[in-house]
Protein backbone atom coordinates (compact mmCIF):
# COMPACT_ATOMS: atom_id res chain seq x y z
CA UNK A 1 190.55 49.02 -25.75
CA UNK A 2 187.28 48.45 -27.56
CA UNK A 3 184.47 50.64 -28.74
CA UNK A 4 182.11 48.92 -26.31
CA UNK A 5 184.12 50.29 -23.41
CA UNK A 6 183.45 53.87 -24.40
CA UNK A 7 180.10 53.62 -26.16
CA UNK A 8 179.40 54.56 -29.76
CA UNK A 9 178.82 58.29 -29.67
CA UNK A 10 180.45 58.72 -33.09
CA UNK A 11 178.64 56.10 -35.15
CA UNK A 12 178.07 57.52 -38.62
CA UNK A 13 180.21 60.58 -37.95
CA UNK A 14 183.25 61.80 -39.85
CA UNK A 15 186.16 63.59 -38.21
CA UNK A 16 189.33 65.40 -39.28
CA UNK A 17 192.16 65.33 -36.73
CA UNK A 18 195.23 67.41 -37.56
CA UNK A 19 198.70 66.54 -36.35
CA UNK A 20 197.65 62.96 -35.76
CA UNK A 21 200.49 60.69 -36.86
CA UNK A 22 201.56 60.23 -33.21
CA UNK A 23 201.12 61.51 -29.68
CA UNK A 24 197.95 63.28 -28.61
CA UNK A 25 196.53 63.50 -32.13
CA UNK A 26 196.84 59.77 -32.73
CA UNK A 27 195.31 59.03 -29.31
CA UNK A 28 192.36 61.27 -30.21
CA UNK A 29 191.92 59.47 -33.52
CA UNK A 30 192.05 56.09 -31.73
CA UNK A 31 189.41 57.14 -29.23
CA UNK A 32 187.05 58.46 -31.92
CA UNK A 33 187.46 55.34 -34.07
CA UNK A 34 186.71 53.21 -31.01
CA UNK A 35 183.50 55.20 -30.62
CA UNK A 36 182.48 54.58 -34.23
CA UNK A 37 183.96 57.48 -36.24
CA UNK A 38 185.65 57.54 -39.59
CA UNK A 39 188.73 59.73 -39.29
CA UNK A 40 190.99 61.68 -41.60
CA UNK A 41 194.38 62.24 -40.00
CA UNK A 42 196.91 64.79 -41.19
CA UNK A 43 200.60 65.48 -40.60
CA UNK A 44 203.62 66.46 -42.65
CA UNK A 45 205.15 63.04 -43.42
CA UNK A 46 203.49 60.23 -45.37
CA UNK A 47 205.41 57.36 -43.72
CA UNK A 48 204.29 57.95 -40.12
CA UNK A 49 200.77 58.70 -41.35
CA UNK A 50 200.59 55.37 -43.17
CA UNK A 51 201.70 53.59 -40.00
CA UNK A 52 199.06 55.47 -38.03
CA UNK A 53 196.32 54.44 -40.47
CA UNK A 54 197.31 50.80 -39.98
CA UNK A 55 197.27 51.24 -36.20
CA UNK A 56 193.79 52.75 -36.37
CA UNK A 57 192.36 49.79 -38.27
CA UNK A 58 193.18 50.45 -41.91
CA UNK A 59 191.54 52.38 -44.75
CA UNK A 60 188.04 51.24 -43.83
CA UNK A 61 188.10 53.62 -40.86
CA UNK A 62 191.05 55.97 -41.44
CA UNK A 63 192.37 58.18 -44.22
CA UNK A 64 195.71 60.03 -44.24
CA UNK A 65 196.43 63.30 -46.02
CA UNK A 66 199.99 64.60 -45.77
CA UNK A 67 200.92 68.27 -45.92
CA UNK A 68 201.83 71.40 -44.00
CA UNK A 69 199.19 72.34 -41.43
CA UNK A 70 199.17 76.02 -42.36
CA UNK A 71 198.85 75.39 -46.12
CA UNK A 72 195.31 76.26 -47.32
CA UNK A 73 195.60 73.86 -50.27
CA UNK A 74 196.48 71.01 -47.93
CA UNK A 75 193.56 71.90 -45.69
CA UNK A 76 191.17 71.97 -48.62
CA UNK A 77 192.47 68.66 -49.96
CA UNK A 78 191.95 66.98 -46.59
CA UNK A 79 188.29 67.97 -46.48
CA UNK A 80 187.69 67.07 -50.11
CA UNK A 81 189.28 63.63 -49.80
CA UNK A 82 187.42 62.96 -46.58
CA UNK A 83 184.09 63.95 -48.14
CA UNK A 84 184.84 61.80 -51.14
CA UNK A 85 185.43 58.77 -48.91
CA UNK A 86 182.77 59.16 -46.20
CA UNK A 87 180.79 62.33 -46.76
CA UNK A 88 180.93 65.77 -45.12
CA UNK A 89 182.89 66.29 -41.92
CA UNK A 90 181.06 66.52 -38.59
CA UNK A 91 183.96 67.34 -36.26
CA UNK A 92 187.30 69.12 -36.69
CA UNK A 93 190.02 68.59 -34.08
CA UNK A 94 192.77 71.21 -34.39
CA UNK A 95 195.67 69.41 -32.75
CA UNK A 96 198.69 70.54 -34.76
CA UNK A 97 201.16 72.63 -32.79
CA UNK A 98 204.82 73.58 -33.12
CA UNK A 99 207.37 75.16 -30.82
CA UNK A 100 210.76 75.75 -32.46
CA UNK A 101 211.73 78.19 -29.69
CA UNK A 102 212.70 77.44 -26.09
CA UNK A 103 213.99 79.99 -23.61
CA UNK A 104 213.19 83.48 -22.29
CA UNK A 105 210.57 85.40 -24.21
CA UNK A 106 212.89 88.29 -25.03
CA UNK A 107 215.31 85.89 -26.73
CA UNK A 108 212.81 84.35 -29.17
CA UNK A 109 213.85 85.07 -32.74
CA UNK A 110 211.31 86.54 -35.12
CA UNK A 111 211.42 83.67 -37.61
CA UNK A 112 210.57 81.09 -34.94
CA UNK A 113 207.86 83.32 -33.50
CA UNK A 114 206.21 83.74 -36.88
CA UNK A 115 206.32 80.00 -37.49
CA UNK A 116 204.63 79.35 -34.15
CA UNK A 117 201.82 81.78 -34.97
CA UNK A 118 201.46 80.55 -38.55
CA UNK A 119 200.82 76.97 -37.41
CA UNK A 120 199.32 77.27 -33.94
CA UNK A 121 196.96 80.17 -34.61
CA UNK A 122 196.59 81.01 -38.29
CA UNK A 123 196.64 77.32 -39.23
CA UNK A 124 193.87 76.53 -36.74
CA UNK A 125 191.74 79.34 -38.13
CA UNK A 126 192.38 78.11 -41.67
CA UNK A 127 191.18 74.60 -40.80
CA UNK A 128 188.04 76.09 -39.24
CA UNK A 129 187.42 78.14 -42.35
CA UNK A 130 187.73 75.10 -44.61
CA UNK A 131 185.39 73.15 -42.32
CA UNK A 132 182.81 75.94 -42.51
CA UNK A 133 183.07 76.29 -46.29
CA UNK A 134 182.94 72.57 -47.09
CA UNK A 135 180.49 71.30 -44.49
CA UNK A 136 179.57 73.27 -41.39
CA UNK A 137 177.78 76.21 -43.04
CA UNK A 138 175.19 73.81 -44.45
CA UNK A 139 175.11 70.98 -41.93
CA UNK A 140 176.51 72.36 -38.69
CA UNK A 141 179.29 70.67 -36.74
CA UNK A 142 181.82 71.04 -33.96
CA UNK A 143 185.42 72.14 -33.51
CA UNK A 144 187.76 71.20 -30.67
CA UNK A 145 191.05 73.10 -30.43
CA UNK A 146 193.95 71.53 -28.56
CA UNK A 147 195.64 74.33 -26.63
CA UNK A 148 197.80 74.14 -23.48
CA UNK A 149 197.89 75.27 -19.87
CA UNK A 150 200.77 77.44 -21.10
CA UNK A 151 198.02 79.50 -22.69
CA UNK A 152 196.27 79.90 -19.34
CA UNK A 153 199.21 81.09 -17.29
CA UNK A 154 202.97 81.70 -17.67
CA UNK A 155 205.21 78.69 -18.33
CA UNK A 156 208.99 78.84 -18.06
CA UNK A 157 210.87 78.41 -21.32
CA UNK A 158 207.85 78.21 -23.62
CA UNK A 159 206.50 81.72 -23.31
CA UNK A 160 205.84 82.46 -26.96
CA UNK A 161 204.29 79.03 -27.48
CA UNK A 162 202.06 79.87 -24.53
CA UNK A 163 201.17 83.20 -26.10
CA UNK A 164 200.09 81.40 -29.28
CA UNK A 165 197.92 79.03 -27.23
CA UNK A 166 196.39 81.93 -25.30
CA UNK A 167 195.46 83.43 -28.66
CA UNK A 168 194.00 80.06 -29.68
CA UNK A 169 191.80 80.08 -26.57
CA UNK A 170 190.50 83.52 -27.50
CA UNK A 171 189.99 82.34 -31.07
CA UNK A 172 187.91 79.48 -29.64
CA UNK A 173 185.59 81.91 -27.86
CA UNK A 174 185.36 84.23 -30.85
CA UNK A 175 184.50 81.44 -33.28
CA UNK A 176 181.96 80.02 -30.83
CA UNK A 177 180.28 83.41 -30.72
CA UNK A 178 180.35 83.96 -34.48
CA UNK A 179 179.45 80.43 -35.65
CA UNK A 180 176.71 79.55 -33.16
CA UNK A 181 174.16 78.08 -33.18
CA UNK A 182 175.22 75.90 -36.14
CA UNK A 183 178.72 75.16 -34.87
CA UNK A 184 180.03 74.52 -31.36
CA UNK A 185 183.67 75.48 -30.73
CA UNK A 186 185.55 74.42 -27.59
CA UNK A 187 189.12 73.79 -26.48
CA UNK A 188 191.16 71.54 -24.22
CA UNK A 189 194.22 72.82 -22.36
CA UNK A 190 196.51 69.98 -21.29
CA UNK A 191 199.46 70.25 -18.94
CA UNK A 192 202.56 68.11 -19.56
CA UNK A 193 201.60 64.94 -21.44
CA UNK A 194 203.86 61.98 -22.18
CA UNK A 195 204.64 62.68 -25.85
CA UNK A 196 207.77 63.20 -27.92
CA UNK A 197 206.78 66.84 -28.33
CA UNK A 198 206.73 67.42 -24.57
CA UNK A 199 209.78 65.31 -23.69
CA UNK A 200 212.05 68.31 -22.89
CA UNK A 201 209.59 69.31 -20.16
CA UNK A 202 209.97 66.10 -18.14
CA UNK A 203 212.77 63.92 -19.51
CA UNK A 204 215.11 62.77 -16.76
CA UNK A 205 213.07 64.42 -14.01
CA UNK A 206 209.58 62.97 -14.35
CA UNK A 207 209.20 62.25 -10.63
CA UNK A 208 210.01 65.84 -9.75
CA UNK A 209 207.62 67.19 -12.41
CA UNK A 210 204.83 64.83 -11.35
CA UNK A 211 205.24 65.91 -7.72
CA UNK A 212 203.69 69.28 -8.63
CA UNK A 213 200.47 67.58 -9.77
CA UNK A 214 197.82 66.83 -7.13
CA UNK A 215 197.00 63.63 -9.03
CA UNK A 216 200.63 62.57 -8.80
CA UNK A 217 201.51 61.98 -12.45
CA UNK A 218 201.97 63.70 -15.76
CA UNK A 219 199.31 63.21 -18.40
CA UNK A 220 198.90 60.48 -20.97
CA UNK A 221 197.62 61.12 -24.51
CA UNK A 222 194.51 59.13 -23.67
CA UNK A 223 193.60 61.66 -20.95
CA UNK A 224 193.35 64.39 -23.56
CA UNK A 225 191.60 62.11 -26.05
CA UNK A 226 188.81 61.42 -23.55
CA UNK A 227 188.20 65.14 -23.04
CA UNK A 228 188.16 65.81 -26.79
CA UNK A 229 185.75 62.92 -27.38
CA UNK A 230 183.36 64.45 -24.86
CA UNK A 231 183.51 67.98 -26.25
CA UNK A 232 183.00 66.80 -29.82
CA UNK A 233 180.05 64.57 -28.95
CA UNK A 234 176.35 65.17 -28.42
CA UNK A 235 176.98 64.86 -24.68
CA UNK A 236 178.40 68.39 -24.90
CA UNK A 237 175.53 69.65 -27.01
CA UNK A 238 174.99 72.72 -24.79
CA UNK A 239 178.69 73.53 -24.35
CA UNK A 240 180.45 76.07 -26.56
CA UNK A 241 183.21 78.64 -26.18
CA UNK A 242 184.68 76.74 -23.22
CA UNK A 243 188.17 75.55 -22.32
CA UNK A 244 188.43 72.24 -20.48
CA UNK A 245 191.71 72.23 -18.54
CA UNK A 246 193.16 68.71 -18.42
CA UNK A 247 196.08 69.05 -16.04
CA UNK A 248 195.96 66.59 -13.17
CA UNK A 249 195.22 69.53 -10.89
CA UNK A 250 198.44 71.42 -11.72
CA UNK A 251 196.79 74.82 -11.99
CA UNK A 252 195.34 74.47 -8.49
CA UNK A 253 198.76 75.26 -7.07
CA UNK A 254 202.04 76.85 -8.00
CA UNK A 255 203.58 74.27 -10.33
CA UNK A 256 204.84 75.24 -13.76
């Protein structure tokens, strides 16, 4: 793919994408680089991040900052290093998410539940706070939160993860209300996407899972990246506090 295919909506813009060493986050970073952005990508491990930087086109367009997503010092360092390389950040994409618990909601242990909330909700708010403090309060900007259809309706086996994503969707609306007009805040809510993270939801039964989708397939990371690129761009300049469901039509019917 080339930038010409998608246009250059992000020329001169700087973006932070969390959880972007692989999967949906890396696809988002690819799409934004193709459209002209400089990107800072974050994740826990330096090795996969370094590989991702190479895949994105090298240090001229991509910067990696390793650390724990819910660590305020890591968040601050990411914004400082990004500003030092390319200037203040224009767009924050909160993509990091964890789910160490699978099974009925009443069987989720407290430690796993707290970890889910620390990263998926509190971490996302922390990134938004750092963005506001370091850039958005003065210059304005945009935030796109990557949630899930599990936050829109019940989903078997990932109930507490879904609860954290439902909270993230409310956080999206609340921040949009509080930070407007300087900052737009929106979210995407994907269904099952072909990533390592989502493998337990379709592995070995992809045809059966895809049969529940009116569009006949599970998602690809690029499907989510396209939606994020729209919401973060000037094309969505009058859109805030919204959730764009990217699900192949799953929520039209009774599929899980």
